[in-house]
Amino acid sequence: ARFPRLGNWILSGRRLDFLIRLLGF
């Protein structure tokens, strides 16, 4: 809510791929 660009960064690229592999698989 304070730093939306940080959230955008986390939900993209390698960060998103890491989260999907970690939490989904």
mmCIF file of all heavy atoms, coordinates in Angstrom:
data_MODEL
# 
_entry.id   MODEL 
# 
loop_
_atom_site.group_PDB 
_atom_site.id 
_atom_site.type_symbol 
_atom_site.label_atom_id 
_atom_site.label_alt_id 
_atom_site.label_comp_id 
_atom_site.label_asym_id 
_atom_site.label_entity_id 
_atom_site.label_seq_id 
_atom_site.pdbx_PDB_ins_code 
_atom_site.Cartn_x 
_atom_site.Cartn_y 
_atom_site.Cartn_z 
_atom_site.occupancy 
_atom_site.B_iso_or_equiv 
_atom_site.pdbx_formal_charge 
_atom_site.auth_seq_id 
_atom_site.auth_comp_id 
_atom_site.auth_asym_id 
_atom_site.auth_atom_id 
_atom_site.pdbx_PDB_model_num 
ATOM 1   N N   . ALA A 1 1  ? 0.830  -1.205  0.000   1.00 0.00 ? 1  ALA A N   1 
ATOM 2   C CA  . ALA A 1 1  ? 0.000  0.000   0.000   1.00 0.00 ? 1  ALA A CA  1 
ATOM 3   C C   . ALA A 1 1  ? 0.866  1.257   0.000   1.00 0.00 ? 1  ALA A C   1 
ATOM 4   O O   . ALA A 1 1  ? 0.494  2.287   -0.573  1.00 0.00 ? 1  ALA A O   1 
ATOM 5   C CB  . ALA A 1 1  ? -0.931 -0.004  1.204   1.00 0.00 ? 1  ALA A CB  1 
ATOM 6   N N   . ARG A 1 2  ? 2.046  1.193   0.650   1.00 0.00 ? 2  ARG A N   1 
ATOM 7   C CA  . ARG A 1 2  ? 2.945  2.346   0.706   1.00 0.00 ? 2  ARG A CA  1 
ATOM 8   C C   . ARG A 1 2  ? 3.946  2.358   -0.439  1.00 0.00 ? 2  ARG A C   1 
ATOM 9   O O   . ARG A 1 2  ? 4.335  3.421   -0.928  1.00 0.00 ? 2  ARG A O   1 
ATOM 10  C CB  . ARG A 1 2  ? 3.702  2.347   2.040   1.00 0.00 ? 2  ARG A CB  1 
ATOM 11  C CG  . ARG A 1 2  ? 2.850  2.640   3.263   1.00 0.00 ? 2  ARG A CG  1 
ATOM 12  C CD  . ARG A 1 2  ? 3.717  3.042   4.437   1.00 0.00 ? 2  ARG A CD  1 
ATOM 13  N NE  . ARG A 1 2  ? 4.477  4.259   4.153   1.00 0.00 ? 2  ARG A NE  1 
ATOM 14  C CZ  . ARG A 1 2  ? 5.394  4.772   4.984   1.00 0.00 ? 2  ARG A CZ  1 
ATOM 15  N NH1 . ARG A 1 2  ? 5.661  4.149   6.134   1.00 0.00 ? 2  ARG A NH1 1 
ATOM 16  N NH2 . ARG A 1 2  ? 6.056  5.868   4.659   1.00 0.00 ? 2  ARG A NH2 1 
ATOM 17  N N   . PHE A 1 3  ? 4.356  1.159   -0.847  1.00 0.00 ? 3  PHE A N   1 
ATOM 18  C CA  . PHE A 1 3  ? 5.376  1.062   -1.891  1.00 0.00 ? 3  PHE A CA  1 
ATOM 19  C C   . PHE A 1 3  ? 4.892  0.083   -2.975  1.00 0.00 ? 3  PHE A C   1 
ATOM 20  O O   . PHE A 1 3  ? 5.407  -1.037  -3.072  1.00 0.00 ? 3  PHE A O   1 
ATOM 21  C CB  . PHE A 1 3  ? 6.705  0.591   -1.306  1.00 0.00 ? 3  PHE A CB  1 
ATOM 22  C CG  . PHE A 1 3  ? 7.174  1.384   -0.122  1.00 0.00 ? 3  PHE A CG  1 
ATOM 23  C CD1 . PHE A 1 3  ? 7.041  0.892   1.174   1.00 0.00 ? 3  PHE A CD1 1 
ATOM 24  C CD2 . PHE A 1 3  ? 7.742  2.644   -0.298  1.00 0.00 ? 3  PHE A CD2 1 
ATOM 25  C CE1 . PHE A 1 3  ? 7.472  1.618   2.267   1.00 0.00 ? 3  PHE A CE1 1 
ATOM 26  C CE2 . PHE A 1 3  ? 8.181  3.388   0.788   1.00 0.00 ? 3  PHE A CE2 1 
ATOM 27  C CZ  . PHE A 1 3  ? 8.044  2.882   2.075   1.00 0.00 ? 3  PHE A CZ  1 
ATOM 28  N N   . PRO A 1 4  ? 3.901  0.474   -3.786  1.00 0.00 ? 4  PRO A N   1 
ATOM 29  C CA  . PRO A 1 4  ? 3.332  -0.451  -4.773  1.00 0.00 ? 4  PRO A CA  1 
ATOM 30  C C   . PRO A 1 4  ? 4.332  -0.959  -5.804  1.00 0.00 ? 4  PRO A C   1 
ATOM 31  O O   . PRO A 1 4  ? 4.193  -2.073  -6.310  1.00 0.00 ? 4  PRO A O   1 
ATOM 32  C CB  . PRO A 1 4  ? 2.227  0.386   -5.434  1.00 0.00 ? 4  PRO A CB  1 
ATOM 33  C CG  . PRO A 1 4  ? 2.589  1.816   -5.148  1.00 0.00 ? 4  PRO A CG  1 
ATOM 34  C CD  . PRO A 1 4  ? 3.245  1.795   -3.803  1.00 0.00 ? 4  PRO A CD  1 
ATOM 35  N N   . ARG A 1 5  ? 5.363  -0.159  -6.092  1.00 0.00 ? 5  ARG A N   1 
ATOM 36  C CA  . ARG A 1 5  ? 6.358  -0.626  -7.058  1.00 0.00 ? 5  ARG A CA  1 
ATOM 37  C C   . ARG A 1 5  ? 7.126  -1.834  -6.544  1.00 0.00 ? 5  ARG A C   1 
ATOM 38  O O   . ARG A 1 5  ? 7.554  -2.690  -7.321  1.00 0.00 ? 5  ARG A O   1 
ATOM 39  C CB  . ARG A 1 5  ? 7.332  0.509   -7.397  1.00 0.00 ? 5  ARG A CB  1 
ATOM 40  C CG  . ARG A 1 5  ? 6.716  1.632   -8.230  1.00 0.00 ? 5  ARG A CG  1 
ATOM 41  C CD  . ARG A 1 5  ? 7.757  2.650   -8.623  1.00 0.00 ? 5  ARG A CD  1 
ATOM 42  N NE  . ARG A 1 5  ? 7.183  3.724   -9.426  1.00 0.00 ? 5  ARG A NE  1 
ATOM 43  C CZ  . ARG A 1 5  ? 7.880  4.747   -9.906  1.00 0.00 ? 5  ARG A CZ  1 
ATOM 44  N NH1 . ARG A 1 5  ? 9.191  4.825   -9.671  1.00 0.00 ? 5  ARG A NH1 1 
ATOM 45  N NH2 . ARG A 1 5  ? 7.286  5.682   -10.628 1.00 0.00 ? 5  ARG A NH2 1 
ATOM 46  N N   . LEU A 1 6  ? 7.287  -1.904  -5.227  1.00 0.00 ? 6  LEU A N   1 
ATOM 47  C CA  . LEU A 1 6  ? 7.954  -3.066  -4.638  1.00 0.00 ? 6  LEU A CA  1 
ATOM 48  C C   . LEU A 1 6  ? 7.099  -4.307  -4.842  1.00 0.00 ? 6  LEU A C   1 
ATOM 49  O O   . LEU A 1 6  ? 7.602  -5.381  -5.188  1.00 0.00 ? 6  LEU A O   1 
ATOM 50  C CB  . LEU A 1 6  ? 8.214  -2.829  -3.151  1.00 0.00 ? 6  LEU A CB  1 
ATOM 51  C CG  . LEU A 1 6  ? 8.854  -3.997  -2.381  1.00 0.00 ? 6  LEU A CG  1 
ATOM 52  C CD1 . LEU A 1 6  ? 10.205 -4.363  -2.996  1.00 0.00 ? 6  LEU A CD1 1 
ATOM 53  C CD2 . LEU A 1 6  ? 9.010  -3.631  -0.905  1.00 0.00 ? 6  LEU A CD2 1 
ATOM 54  N N   . GLY A 1 7  ? 5.786  -4.158  -4.624  1.00 0.00 ? 7  GLY A N   1 
ATOM 55  C CA  . GLY A 1 7  ? 4.874  -5.280  -4.858  1.00 0.00 ? 7  GLY A CA  1 
ATOM 56  C C   . GLY A 1 7  ? 4.877  -5.714  -6.310  1.00 0.00 ? 7  GLY A C   1 
ATOM 57  O O   . GLY A 1 7  ? 4.857  -6.907  -6.617  1.00 0.00 ? 7  GLY A O   1 
ATOM 58  N N   . ASN A 1 8  ? 4.923  -4.741  -7.212  1.00 0.00 ? 8  ASN A N   1 
ATOM 59  C CA  . ASN A 1 8  ? 4.990  -5.062  -8.639  1.00 0.00 ? 8  ASN A CA  1 
ATOM 60  C C   . ASN A 1 8  ? 6.252  -5.861  -8.967  1.00 0.00 ? 8  ASN A C   1 
ATOM 61  O O   . ASN A 1 8  ? 6.223  -6.807  -9.761  1.00 0.00 ? 8  ASN A O   1 
ATOM 62  C CB  . ASN A 1 8  ? 4.987  -3.775  -9.473  1.00 0.00 ? 8  ASN A CB  1 
ATOM 63  C CG  . ASN A 1 8  ? 3.696  -2.989  -9.333  1.00 0.00 ? 8  ASN A CG  1 
ATOM 64  O OD1 . ASN A 1 8  ? 2.719  -3.478  -8.776  1.00 0.00 ? 8  ASN A OD1 1 
ATOM 65  N ND2 . ASN A 1 8  ? 3.695  -1.767  -9.831  1.00 0.00 ? 8  ASN A ND2 1 
ATOM 66  N N   . TRP A 1 9  ? 7.350  -5.482  -8.347  1.00 0.00 ? 9  TRP A N   1 
ATOM 67  C CA  . TRP A 1 9  ? 8.633  -6.148  -8.589  1.00 0.00 ? 9  TRP A CA  1 
ATOM 68  C C   . TRP A 1 9  ? 8.599  -7.583  -8.078  1.00 0.00 ? 9  TRP A C   1 
ATOM 69  O O   . TRP A 1 9  ? 9.069  -8.502  -8.754  1.00 0.00 ? 9  TRP A O   1 
ATOM 70  C CB  . TRP A 1 9  ? 9.739  -5.351  -7.891  1.00 0.00 ? 9  TRP A CB  1 
ATOM 71  C CG  . TRP A 1 9  ? 11.118 -5.910  -8.085  1.00 0.00 ? 9  TRP A CG  1 
ATOM 72  C CD1 . TRP A 1 9  ? 11.904 -5.825  -9.195  1.00 0.00 ? 9  TRP A CD1 1 
ATOM 73  C CD2 . TRP A 1 9  ? 11.869 -6.657  -7.110  1.00 0.00 ? 9  TRP A CD2 1 
ATOM 74  N NE1 . TRP A 1 9  ? 13.115 -6.463  -8.985  1.00 0.00 ? 9  TRP A NE1 1 
ATOM 75  C CE2 . TRP A 1 9  ? 13.127 -6.988  -7.712  1.00 0.00 ? 9  TRP A CE2 1 
ATOM 76  C CE3 . TRP A 1 9  ? 11.624 -7.060  -5.795  1.00 0.00 ? 9  TRP A CE3 1 
ATOM 77  C CZ2 . TRP A 1 9  ? 14.098 -7.708  -7.042  1.00 0.00 ? 9  TRP A CZ2 1 
ATOM 78  C CZ3 . TRP A 1 9  ? 12.598 -7.783  -5.128  1.00 0.00 ? 9  TRP A CZ3 1 
ATOM 79  C CH2 . TRP A 1 9  ? 13.819 -8.101  -5.749  1.00 0.00 ? 9  TRP A CH2 1 
ATOM 80  N N   . ILE A 1 10 ? 8.012  -7.778  -6.909  1.00 0.00 ? 10 ILE A N   1 
ATOM 81  C CA  . ILE A 1 10 ? 7.943  -9.122  -6.328  1.00 0.00 ? 10 ILE A CA  1 
ATOM 82  C C   . ILE A 1 10 ? 7.078  -10.048 -7.176  1.00 0.00 ? 10 ILE A C   1 
ATOM 83  O O   . ILE A 1 10 ? 7.390  -11.234 -7.351  1.00 0.00 ? 10 ILE A O   1 
ATOM 84  C CB  . ILE A 1 10 ? 7.410  -9.054  -4.880  1.00 0.00 ? 10 ILE A CB  1 
ATOM 85  C CG1 . ILE A 1 10 ? 8.442  -8.355  -3.977  1.00 0.00 ? 10 ILE A CG1 1 
ATOM 86  C CG2 . ILE A 1 10 ? 7.093  -10.451 -4.344  1.00 0.00 ? 10 ILE A CG2 1 
ATOM 87  C CD1 . ILE A 1 10 ? 7.942  -8.095  -2.582  1.00 0.00 ? 10 ILE A CD1 1 
ATOM 88  N N   . LEU A 1 11 ? 5.998  -9.497  -7.732  1.00 0.00 ? 11 LEU A N   1 
ATOM 89  C CA  . LEU A 1 11 ? 5.068  -10.319 -8.512  1.00 0.00 ? 11 LEU A CA  1 
ATOM 90  C C   . LEU A 1 11 ? 5.429  -10.342 -9.993  1.00 0.00 ? 11 LEU A C   1 
ATOM 91  O O   . LEU A 1 11 ? 4.558  -10.373 -10.863 1.00 0.00 ? 11 LEU A O   1 
ATOM 92  C CB  . LEU A 1 11 ? 3.634  -9.800  -8.326  1.00 0.00 ? 11 LEU A CB  1 
ATOM 93  C CG  . LEU A 1 11 ? 3.036  -10.001 -6.939  1.00 0.00 ? 11 LEU A CG  1 
ATOM 94  C CD1 . LEU A 1 11 ? 1.687  -9.311  -6.831  1.00 0.00 ? 11 LEU A CD1 1 
ATOM 95  C CD2 . LEU A 1 11 ? 2.896  -11.491 -6.613  1.00 0.00 ? 11 LEU A CD2 1 
ATOM 96  N N   . SER A 1 12 ? 6.704  -10.360 -10.292 1.00 0.00 ? 12 SER A N   1 
ATOM 97  C CA  . SER A 1 12 ? 7.142  -10.404 -11.685 1.00 0.00 ? 12 SER A CA  1 
ATOM 98  C C   . SER A 1 12 ? 8.486  -11.122 -11.794 1.00 0.00 ? 12 SER A C   1 
ATOM 99  O O   . SER A 1 12 ? 9.201  -11.292 -10.799 1.00 0.00 ? 12 SER A O   1 
ATOM 100 C CB  . SER A 1 12 ? 7.269  -8.979  -12.251 1.00 0.00 ? 12 SER A CB  1 
ATOM 101 O OG  . SER A 1 12 ? 8.265  -8.247  -11.551 1.00 0.00 ? 12 SER A OG  1 
ATOM 102 N N   . GLY A 1 13 ? 8.790  -11.545 -12.994 1.00 0.00 ? 13 GLY A N   1 
ATOM 103 C CA  . GLY A 1 13 ? 10.101 -12.121 -13.281 1.00 0.00 ? 13 GLY A CA  1 
ATOM 104 C C   . GLY A 1 13 ? 10.490 -13.311 -12.422 1.00 0.00 ? 13 GLY A C   1 
ATOM 105 O O   . GLY A 1 13 ? 9.672  -14.171 -12.095 1.00 0.00 ? 13 GLY A O   1 
ATOM 106 N N   . ARG A 1 14 ? 11.750 -13.336 -12.027 1.00 0.00 ? 14 ARG A N   1 
ATOM 107 C CA  . ARG A 1 14 ? 12.277 -14.460 -11.265 1.00 0.00 ? 14 ARG A CA  1 
ATOM 108 C C   . ARG A 1 14 ? 11.655 -14.577 -9.883  1.00 0.00 ? 14 ARG A C   1 
ATOM 109 O O   . ARG A 1 14 ? 11.565 -15.670 -9.327  1.00 0.00 ? 14 ARG A O   1 
ATOM 110 C CB  . ARG A 1 14 ? 13.795 -14.333 -11.145 1.00 0.00 ? 14 ARG A CB  1 
ATOM 111 C CG  . ARG A 1 14 ? 14.539 -14.473 -12.480 1.00 0.00 ? 14 ARG A CG  1 
ATOM 112 C CD  . ARG A 1 14 ? 16.035 -14.378 -12.285 1.00 0.00 ? 14 ARG A CD  1 
ATOM 113 N NE  . ARG A 1 14 ? 16.752 -14.536 -13.554 1.00 0.00 ? 14 ARG A NE  1 
ATOM 114 C CZ  . ARG A 1 14 ? 18.065 -14.472 -13.671 1.00 0.00 ? 14 ARG A CZ  1 
ATOM 115 N NH1 . ARG A 1 14 ? 18.820 -14.257 -12.586 1.00 0.00 ? 14 ARG A NH1 1 
ATOM 116 N NH2 . ARG A 1 14 ? 18.642 -14.627 -14.857 1.00 0.00 ? 14 ARG A NH2 1 
ATOM 117 N N   . ARG A 1 15 ? 11.242 -13.430 -9.298  1.00 0.00 ? 15 ARG A N   1 
ATOM 118 C CA  . ARG A 1 15 ? 10.617 -13.482 -7.970  1.00 0.00 ? 15 ARG A CA  1 
ATOM 119 C C   . ARG A 1 15 ? 9.311  -14.254 -8.041  1.00 0.00 ? 15 ARG A C   1 
ATOM 120 O O   . ARG A 1 15 ? 9.029  -15.110 -7.207  1.00 0.00 ? 15 ARG A O   1 
ATOM 121 C CB  . ARG A 1 15 ? 10.350 -12.073 -7.419  1.00 0.00 ? 15 ARG A CB  1 
ATOM 122 C CG  . ARG A 1 15 ? 11.561 -11.333 -6.866  1.00 0.00 ? 15 ARG A CG  1 
ATOM 123 C CD  . ARG A 1 15 ? 12.444 -10.807 -7.943  1.00 0.00 ? 15 ARG A CD  1 
ATOM 124 N NE  . ARG A 1 15 ? 11.679 -9.932  -8.857  1.00 0.00 ? 15 ARG A NE  1 
ATOM 125 C CZ  . ARG A 1 15 ? 12.136 -9.535  -10.049 1.00 0.00 ? 15 ARG A CZ  1 
ATOM 126 N NH1 . ARG A 1 15 ? 13.328 -9.927  -10.477 1.00 0.00 ? 15 ARG A NH1 1 
ATOM 127 N NH2 . ARG A 1 15 ? 11.408 -8.756  -10.821 1.00 0.00 ? 15 ARG A NH2 1 
ATOM 128 N N   . LEU A 1 16 ? 8.503  -13.983 -9.062  1.00 0.00 ? 16 LEU A N   1 
ATOM 129 C CA  . LEU A 1 16 ? 7.239  -14.693 -9.229  1.00 0.00 ? 16 LEU A CA  1 
ATOM 130 C C   . LEU A 1 16 ? 7.488  -16.172 -9.485  1.00 0.00 ? 16 LEU A C   1 
ATOM 131 O O   . LEU A 1 16 ? 6.818  -17.036 -8.904  1.00 0.00 ? 16 LEU A O   1 
ATOM 132 C CB  . LEU A 1 16 ? 6.438  -14.080 -10.381 1.00 0.00 ? 16 LEU A CB  1 
ATOM 133 C CG  . LEU A 1 16 ? 5.091  -14.749 -10.691 1.00 0.00 ? 16 LEU A CG  1 
ATOM 134 C CD1 . LEU A 1 16 ? 4.145  -14.637 -9.498  1.00 0.00 ? 16 LEU A CD1 1 
ATOM 135 C CD2 . LEU A 1 16 ? 4.450  -14.126 -11.928 1.00 0.00 ? 16 LEU A CD2 1 
ATOM 136 N N   . ASP A 1 17 ? 8.445  -16.476 -10.335 1.00 0.00 ? 17 ASP A N   1 
ATOM 137 C CA  . ASP A 1 17 ? 8.776  -17.873 -10.631 1.00 0.00 ? 17 ASP A CA  1 
ATOM 138 C C   . ASP A 1 17 ? 9.196  -18.602 -9.356  1.00 0.00 ? 17 ASP A C   1 
ATOM 139 O O   . ASP A 1 17 ? 8.774  -19.742 -9.108  1.00 0.00 ? 17 ASP A O   1 
ATOM 140 C CB  . ASP A 1 17 ? 9.899  -17.925 -11.664 1.00 0.00 ? 17 ASP A CB  1 
ATOM 141 C CG  . ASP A 1 17 ? 10.295 -19.354 -12.018 1.00 0.00 ? 17 ASP A CG  1 
ATOM 142 O OD1 . ASP A 1 17 ? 9.428  -20.111 -12.469 1.00 0.00 ? 17 ASP A OD1 1 
ATOM 143 O OD2 . ASP A 1 17 ? 11.475 -19.705 -11.828 1.00 0.00 ? 17 ASP A OD2 1 
ATOM 144 N N   . PHE A 1 18 ? 9.997  -17.943 -8.533  1.00 0.00 ? 18 PHE A N   1 
ATOM 145 C CA  . PHE A 1 18 ? 10.442 -18.550 -7.264  1.00 0.00 ? 18 PHE A CA  1 
ATOM 146 C C   . PHE A 1 18 ? 9.245  -18.824 -6.352  1.00 0.00 ? 18 PHE A C   1 
ATOM 147 O O   . PHE A 1 18 ? 9.144  -19.908 -5.750  1.00 0.00 ? 18 PHE A O   1 
ATOM 148 C CB  . PHE A 1 18 ? 11.432 -17.619 -6.568  1.00 0.00 ? 18 PHE A CB  1 
ATOM 149 C CG  . PHE A 1 18 ? 11.774 -18.039 -5.164  1.00 0.00 ? 18 PHE A CG  1 
ATOM 150 C CD1 . PHE A 1 18 ? 12.642 -19.090 -4.922  1.00 0.00 ? 18 PHE A CD1 1 
ATOM 151 C CD2 . PHE A 1 18 ? 11.203 -17.388 -4.069  1.00 0.00 ? 18 PHE A CD2 1 
ATOM 152 C CE1 . PHE A 1 18 ? 12.945 -19.492 -3.623  1.00 0.00 ? 18 PHE A CE1 1 
ATOM 153 C CE2 . PHE A 1 18 ? 11.494 -17.780 -2.775  1.00 0.00 ? 18 PHE A CE2 1 
ATOM 154 C CZ  . PHE A 1 18 ? 12.367 -18.832 -2.545  1.00 0.00 ? 18 PHE A CZ  1 
ATOM 155 N N   . LEU A 1 19 ? 8.328  -17.858 -6.224  1.00 0.00 ? 19 LEU A N   1 
ATOM 156 C CA  . LEU A 1 19 ? 7.168  -18.024 -5.346  1.00 0.00 ? 19 LEU A CA  1 
ATOM 157 C C   . LEU A 1 19 ? 6.274  -19.158 -5.819  1.00 0.00 ? 19 LEU A C   1 
ATOM 158 O O   . LEU A 1 19 ? 5.777  -19.947 -5.004  1.00 0.00 ? 19 LEU A O   1 
ATOM 159 C CB  . LEU A 1 19 ? 6.368  -16.723 -5.288  1.00 0.00 ? 19 LEU A CB  1 
ATOM 160 C CG  . LEU A 1 19 ? 7.010  -15.566 -4.522  1.00 0.00 ? 19 LEU A CG  1 
ATOM 161 C CD1 . LEU A 1 19 ? 6.189  -14.290 -4.698  1.00 0.00 ? 19 LEU A CD1 1 
ATOM 162 C CD2 . LEU A 1 19 ? 7.155  -15.905 -3.041  1.00 0.00 ? 19 LEU A CD2 1 
ATOM 163 N N   . ILE A 1 20 ? 6.094  -19.264 -7.124  1.00 0.00 ? 20 ILE A N   1 
ATOM 164 C CA  . ILE A 1 20 ? 5.241  -20.332 -7.659  1.00 0.00 ? 20 ILE A CA  1 
ATOM 165 C C   . ILE A 1 20 ? 5.859  -21.699 -7.410  1.00 0.00 ? 20 ILE A C   1 
ATOM 166 O O   . ILE A 1 20 ? 5.178  -22.637 -6.976  1.00 0.00 ? 20 ILE A O   1 
ATOM 167 C CB  . ILE A 1 20 ? 4.995  -20.101 -9.166  1.00 0.00 ? 20 ILE A CB  1 
ATOM 168 C CG1 . ILE A 1 20 ? 4.082  -18.884 -9.357  1.00 0.00 ? 20 ILE A CG1 1 
ATOM 169 C CG2 . ILE A 1 20 ? 4.371  -21.347 -9.806  1.00 0.00 ? 20 ILE A CG2 1 
ATOM 170 C CD1 . ILE A 1 20 ? 3.950  -18.443 -10.793 1.00 0.00 ? 20 ILE A CD1 1 
ATOM 171 N N   . ARG A 1 21 ? 7.145  -21.819 -7.649  1.00 0.00 ? 21 ARG A N   1 
ATOM 172 C CA  . ARG A 1 21 ? 7.809  -23.108 -7.414  1.00 0.00 ? 21 ARG A CA  1 
ATOM 173 C C   . ARG A 1 21 ? 7.854  -23.447 -5.932  1.00 0.00 ? 21 ARG A C   1 
ATOM 174 O O   . ARG A 1 21 ? 7.671  -24.603 -5.544  1.00 0.00 ? 21 ARG A O   1 
ATOM 175 C CB  . ARG A 1 21 ? 9.224  -23.090 -7.993  1.00 0.00 ? 21 ARG A CB  1 
ATOM 176 C CG  . ARG A 1 21 ? 9.256  -23.165 -9.520  1.00 0.00 ? 21 ARG A CG  1 
ATOM 177 C CD  . ARG A 1 21 ? 10.659 -23.334 -10.076 1.00 0.00 ? 21 ARG A CD  1 
ATOM 178 N NE  . ARG A 1 21 ? 11.438 -22.101 -9.952  1.00 0.00 ? 21 ARG A NE  1 
ATOM 179 C CZ  . ARG A 1 21 ? 12.431 -21.923 -9.087  1.00 0.00 ? 21 ARG A CZ  1 
ATOM 180 N NH1 . ARG A 1 21 ? 12.763 -22.903 -8.253  1.00 0.00 ? 21 ARG A NH1 1 
ATOM 181 N NH2 . ARG A 1 21 ? 13.100 -20.788 -9.037  1.00 0.00 ? 21 ARG A NH2 1 
ATOM 182 N N   . LEU A 1 22 ? 8.061  -22.431 -5.090  1.00 0.00 ? 22 LEU A N   1 
ATOM 183 C CA  . LEU A 1 22 ? 8.138  -22.657 -3.651  1.00 0.00 ? 22 LEU A CA  1 
ATOM 184 C C   . LEU A 1 22 ? 6.790  -23.049 -3.065  1.00 0.00 ? 22 LEU A C   1 
ATOM 185 O O   . LEU A 1 22 ? 6.673  -24.061 -2.349  1.00 0.00 ? 22 LEU A O   1 
ATOM 186 C CB  . LEU A 1 22 ? 8.650  -21.388 -2.958  1.00 0.00 ? 22 LEU A CB  1 
ATOM 187 C CG  . LEU A 1 22 ? 8.638  -21.403 -1.414  1.00 0.00 ? 22 LEU A CG  1 
ATOM 188 C CD1 . LEU A 1 22 ? 9.643  -22.417 -0.891  1.00 0.00 ? 22 LEU A CD1 1 
ATOM 189 C CD2 . LEU A 1 22 ? 8.930  -20.002 -0.870  1.00 0.00 ? 22 LEU A CD2 1 
ATOM 190 N N   . LEU A 1 23 ? 5.764  -22.257 -3.346  1.00 0.00 ? 23 LEU A N   1 
ATOM 191 C CA  . LEU A 1 23 ? 4.467  -22.447 -2.705  1.00 0.00 ? 23 LEU A CA  1 
ATOM 192 C C   . LEU A 1 23 ? 3.579  -23.450 -3.439  1.00 0.00 ? 23 LEU A C   1 
ATOM 193 O O   . LEU A 1 23 ? 2.807  -24.173 -2.801  1.00 0.00 ? 23 LEU A O   1 
ATOM 194 C CB  . LEU A 1 23 ? 3.733  -21.104 -2.604  1.00 0.00 ? 23 LEU A CB  1 
ATOM 195 C CG  . LEU A 1 23 ? 4.459  -20.023 -1.789  1.00 0.00 ? 23 LEU A CG  1 
ATOM 196 C CD1 . LEU A 1 23 ? 3.686  -18.711 -1.837  1.00 0.00 ? 23 LEU A CD1 1 
ATOM 197 C CD2 . LEU A 1 23 ? 4.660  -20.478 -0.344  1.00 0.00 ? 23 LEU A CD2 1 
ATOM 198 N N   . GLY A 1 24 ? 3.691  -23.497 -4.768  1.00 0.00 ? 24 GLY A N   1 
ATOM 199 C CA  . GLY A 1 24 ? 2.838  -24.406 -5.522  1.00 0.00 ? 24 GLY A CA  1 
ATOM 200 C C   . GLY A 1 24 ? 3.391  -25.806 -5.650  1.00 0.00 ? 24 GLY A C   1 
ATOM 201 O O   . GLY A 1 24 ? 2.650  -26.790 -5.584  1.00 0.00 ? 24 GLY A O   1 
ATOM 202 N N   . PHE A 1 25 ? 4.710  -25.903 -5.811  1.00 0.00 ? 25 PHE A N   1 
ATOM 203 C CA  . PHE A 1 25 ? 5.330  -27.193 -6.096  1.00 0.00 ? 25 PHE A CA  1 
ATOM 204 C C   . PHE A 1 25 ? 6.365  -27.598 -5.047  1.00 0.00 ? 25 PHE A C   1 
ATOM 205 O O   . PHE A 1 25 ? 7.131  -28.543 -5.266  1.00 0.00 ? 25 PHE A O   1 
ATOM 206 C CB  . PHE A 1 25 ? 5.986  -27.146 -7.480  1.00 0.00 ? 25 PHE A CB  1 
ATOM 207 C CG  . PHE A 1 25 ? 5.003  -26.899 -8.597  1.00 0.00 ? 25 PHE A CG  1 
ATOM 208 C CD1 . PHE A 1 25 ? 4.653  -25.603 -8.954  1.00 0.00 ? 25 PHE A CD1 1 
ATOM 209 C CD2 . PHE A 1 25 ? 4.421  -27.958 -9.268  1.00 0.00 ? 25 PHE A CD2 1 
ATOM 210 C CE1 . PHE A 1 25 ? 3.742  -25.364 -9.991  1.00 0.00 ? 25 PHE A CE1 1 
ATOM 211 C CE2 . PHE A 1 25 ? 3.514  -27.732 -10.294 1.00 0.00 ? 25 PHE A CE2 1 
ATOM 212 C CZ  . PHE A 1 25 ? 3.169  -26.430 -10.645 1.00 0.00 ? 25 PHE A CZ  1 
# 
